[in-house]
C-alpha atoms as a PDB file:
ATOM      1  CA  UNK A   1       0.000   0.000   0.000  1.00  0.00           C
ATOM      2  CA  UNK A   2       1.473   3.372  -0.984  1.00  0.00           C
ATOM      3  CA  UNK A   3       1.663   6.190   1.522  1.00  0.00           C
ATOM      4  CA  UNK A   4      -0.750   9.050   0.923  1.00  0.00           C
ATOM      5  CA  UNK A   5       0.707  12.491   1.515  1.00  0.00           C
ATOM      6  CA  UNK A   6      -1.641  15.350   2.310  1.00  0.00           C
ATOM      7  CA  UNK A   7      -0.955  19.042   2.747  1.00  0.00           C
ATOM      8  CA  UNK A   8      -2.739  21.073   5.401  1.00  0.00           C
ATOM      9  CA  UNK A   9      -2.762  24.741   6.339  1.00  0.00           C
ATOM     10  CA  UNK A  10      -1.906  25.033  10.037  1.00  0.00           C
ATOM     11  CA  UNK A  11      -2.446  28.335  11.803  1.00  0.00           C
ATOM     12  CA  UNK A  12      -0.322  28.751  14.920  1.00  0.00           C
ATOM     13  CA  UNK A  13      -1.485  31.195  17.571  1.00  0.00           C
ATOM     14  CA  UNK A  14       0.660  32.704  20.298  1.00  0.00           C
ATOM     15  CA  UNK A  15      -0.387  35.023  23.077  1.00  0.00           C
ATOM     16  CA  UNK A  16       1.915  36.259  25.846  1.00  0.00           C
ATOM     17  CA  UNK A  17       1.534  34.170  28.997  1.00  0.00           C
ATOM     18  CA  UNK A  18      -0.366  31.340  27.242  1.00  0.00           C
ATOM     19  CA  UNK A  19       0.495  28.054  25.536  1.00  0.00           C
ATOM     20  CA  UNK A  20       0.869  27.942  21.784  1.00  0.00           C
ATOM     21  CA  UNK A  21      -2.119  26.507  19.976  1.00  0.00           C
ATOM     22  CA  UNK A  22      -2.756  25.541  16.368  1.00  0.00           C
ATOM     23  CA  UNK A  23      -5.743  24.783  14.176  1.00  0.00           C
ATOM     24  CA  UNK A  24      -5.957  23.016  10.807  1.00  0.00           C
ATOM     25  CA  UNK A  25      -7.999  24.962   8.234  1.00  0.00           C
ATOM     26  CA  UNK A  26      -9.037  21.927   6.186  1.00  0.00           C
ATOM     27  CA  UNK A  27     -10.117  19.835   9.189  1.00  0.00           C
ATOM     28  CA  UNK A  28     -12.669  21.672  11.353  1.00  0.00           C
ATOM     29  CA  UNK A  29     -12.258  20.675  14.980  1.00  0.00           C
ATOM     30  CA  UNK A  30      -8.639  19.585  14.544  1.00  0.00           C
ATOM     31  CA  UNK A  31      -6.506  21.613  16.926  1.00  0.00           C
ATOM     32  CA  UNK A  32      -3.713  21.184  19.463  1.00  0.00           C
ATOM     33  CA  UNK A  33      -1.767  23.110  22.074  1.00  0.00           C
ATOM     34  CA  UNK A  34       1.677  22.931  23.607  1.00  0.00           C
ATOM     35  CA  UNK A  35       4.101  24.799  25.844  1.00  0.00           C
ATOM     36  CA  UNK A  36       6.665  25.082  23.011  1.00  0.00           C
ATOM     37  CA  UNK A  37       6.965  24.246  19.302  1.00  0.00           C
ATOM     38  CA  UNK A  38       8.180  20.683  19.930  1.00  0.00           C
ATOM     39  CA  UNK A  39       5.253  19.930  22.242  1.00  0.00           C
ATOM     40  CA  UNK A  40       2.829  21.621  19.835  1.00  0.00           C
ATOM     41  CA  UNK A  41       4.171  19.602  16.879  1.00  0.00           C
ATOM     42  CA  UNK A  42       3.724  16.324  18.793  1.00  0.00           C
ATOM     43  CA  UNK A  43       0.199  17.234  19.949  1.00  0.00           C
ATOM     44  CA  UNK A  44      -0.756  18.305  16.425  1.00  0.00           C
ATOM     45  CA  UNK A  45       0.538  15.033  14.986  1.00  0.00           C
ATOM     46  CA  UNK A  46      -1.632  13.105  17.484  1.00  0.00           C
ATOM     47  CA  UNK A  47      -4.649  15.248  16.626  1.00  0.00           C
ATOM     48  CA  UNK A  48      -4.189  14.688  12.882  1.00  0.00           C
ATOM     49  CA  UNK A  49      -3.907  10.931  13.411  1.00  0.00           C
ATOM     50  CA  UNK A  50      -7.203  10.869  15.345  1.00  0.00           C
ATOM     51  CA  UNK A  51      -8.894  13.094  12.755  1.00  0.00           C
ATOM     52  CA  UNK A  52      -8.019  10.788   9.842  1.00  0.00           C
ATOM     53  CA  UNK A  53      -9.617   7.697  11.346  1.00  0.00           C
ATOM     54  CA  UNK A  54     -12.894   6.460   9.902  1.00  0.00           C
ATOM     55  CA  UNK A  55     -15.954   5.744  12.014  1.00  0.00           C
ATOM     56  CA  UNK A  56     -17.598   2.358  11.462  1.00  0.00           C
ATOM     57  CA  UNK A  57     -20.981   1.473  12.968  1.00  0.00           C
ATOM     58  CA  UNK A  58     -22.269  -2.100  12.918  1.00  0.00           C
ATOM     59  CA  UNK A  59     -26.033  -2.340  12.756  1.00  0.00           C
ATOM     60  CA  UNK A  60     -28.192  -3.842  14.219  1.00  0.00           C
ATOM     61  CA  UNK A  61     -25.576  -4.175  17.009  1.00  0.00           C
ATOM     62  CA  UNK A  62     -25.326  -0.356  17.348  1.00  0.00           C
ATOM     63  CA  UNK A  63     -21.576  -0.669  18.038  1.00  0.00           C
ATOM     64  CA  UNK A  64     -19.177   1.968  16.707  1.00  0.00           C
ATOM     65  CA  UNK A  65     -15.393   2.103  16.385  1.00  0.00           C
ATOM     66  CA  UNK A  66     -12.840   4.395  14.735  1.00  0.00           C
ATOM     67  CA  UNK A  67     -10.224   2.762  12.521  1.00  0.00           C
ATOM     68  CA  UNK A  68      -7.407   3.849  10.214  1.00  0.00           C
ATOM     69  CA  UNK A  69      -8.137   3.898   6.459  1.00  0.00           C
ATOM     70  CA  UNK A  70      -7.471   0.499   4.895  1.00  0.00           C
ATOM     71  CA  UNK A  71      -8.751  -1.517   7.877  1.00  0.00           C
ATOM     72  CA  UNK A  72     -11.032  -4.362   6.842  1.00  0.00           C
ATOM     73  CA  UNK A  73     -14.564  -4.409   8.225  1.00  0.00           C
ATOM     74  CA  UNK A  74     -13.821  -7.881   9.597  1.00  0.00           C
ATOM     75  CA  UNK A  75     -10.802  -6.578  11.564  1.00  0.00           C
ATOM     76  CA  UNK A  76     -12.723  -3.577  12.866  1.00  0.00           C
ATOM     77  CA  UNK A  77     -15.501  -5.848  14.123  1.00  0.00           C
ATOM     78  CA  UNK A  78     -12.970  -8.152  15.790  1.00  0.00           C
ATOM     79  CA  UNK A  79     -11.327  -5.186  17.602  1.00  0.00           C
ATOM     80  CA  UNK A  80     -14.620  -4.273  19.304  1.00  0.00           C
ATOM     81  CA  UNK A  81     -15.542  -7.869  20.113  1.00  0.00           C
ATOM     82  CA  UNK A  82     -18.234  -8.478  17.479  1.00  0.00           C
ATOM     83  CA  UNK A  83     -18.295 -12.081  16.304  1.00  0.00           C
ATOM     84  CA  UNK A  84     -18.523 -11.941  12.501  1.00  0.00           C
ATOM     85  CA  UNK A  85     -18.834 -15.341  10.824  1.00  0.00           C
ATOM     86  CA  UNK A  86     -16.437 -15.832   7.962  1.00  0.00           C
ATOM     87  CA  UNK A  87     -15.366 -18.865   6.002  1.00  0.00           C
ATOM     88  CA  UNK A  88     -11.915 -17.377   5.332  1.00  0.00           C
ATOM     89  CA  UNK A  89     -11.149 -16.370   8.921  1.00  0.00           C
ATOM     90  CA  UNK A  90     -10.710 -12.742   7.938  1.00  0.00           C
ATOM     91  CA  UNK A  91      -7.927 -13.313   5.405  1.00  0.00           C
ATOM     92  CA  UNK A  92      -9.562 -10.943   2.920  1.00  0.00           C
ATOM     93  CA  UNK A  93     -10.907 -13.219   0.190  1.00  0.00           C
ATOM     94  CA  UNK A  94     -13.693 -10.704  -0.506  1.00  0.00           C
ATOM     95  CA  UNK A  95     -16.333 -13.454  -0.333  1.00  0.00           C
ATOM     96  CA  UNK A  96     -18.412 -11.676   2.307  1.00  0.00           C
ATOM     97  CA  UNK A  97     -20.063  -8.311   1.713  1.00  0.00           C
ATOM     98  CA  UNK A  98     -21.326  -5.294   3.616  1.00  0.00           C
ATOM     99  CA  UNK A  99     -23.141  -2.087   2.799  1.00  0.00           C
ATOM    100  CA  UNK A 100     -21.773   1.382   3.360  1.00  0.00           C
ATOM    101  CA  UNK A 101     -24.521   3.569   4.762  1.00  0.00           C
ATOM    102  CA  UNK A 102     -23.988   7.335   5.046  1.00  0.00           C
ATOM    103  CA  UNK A 103     -24.312   8.738   8.580  1.00  0.00           C
END
């Protein structure tokens, strides 16, 4: 799988006597703060990682999880303890199917 590179506009804010904080223009709600640039960079990296995860809800179980792009639905279900029957054991033979339903 090839790595996907994305470019974001990050606005860094600084006010005397306060921590630095940053927001990402293209990802509403993605922000971070830190005492210095190194701490801010680390916090922003964590925030971006959380923001890029996909939310998967299994119905009728009404169970939801957030997973990185590329995760199989079988693996996501296994991570949250949902027993999904499969003849391949989750090896990705594409024999089982699911429907993507918009939120």
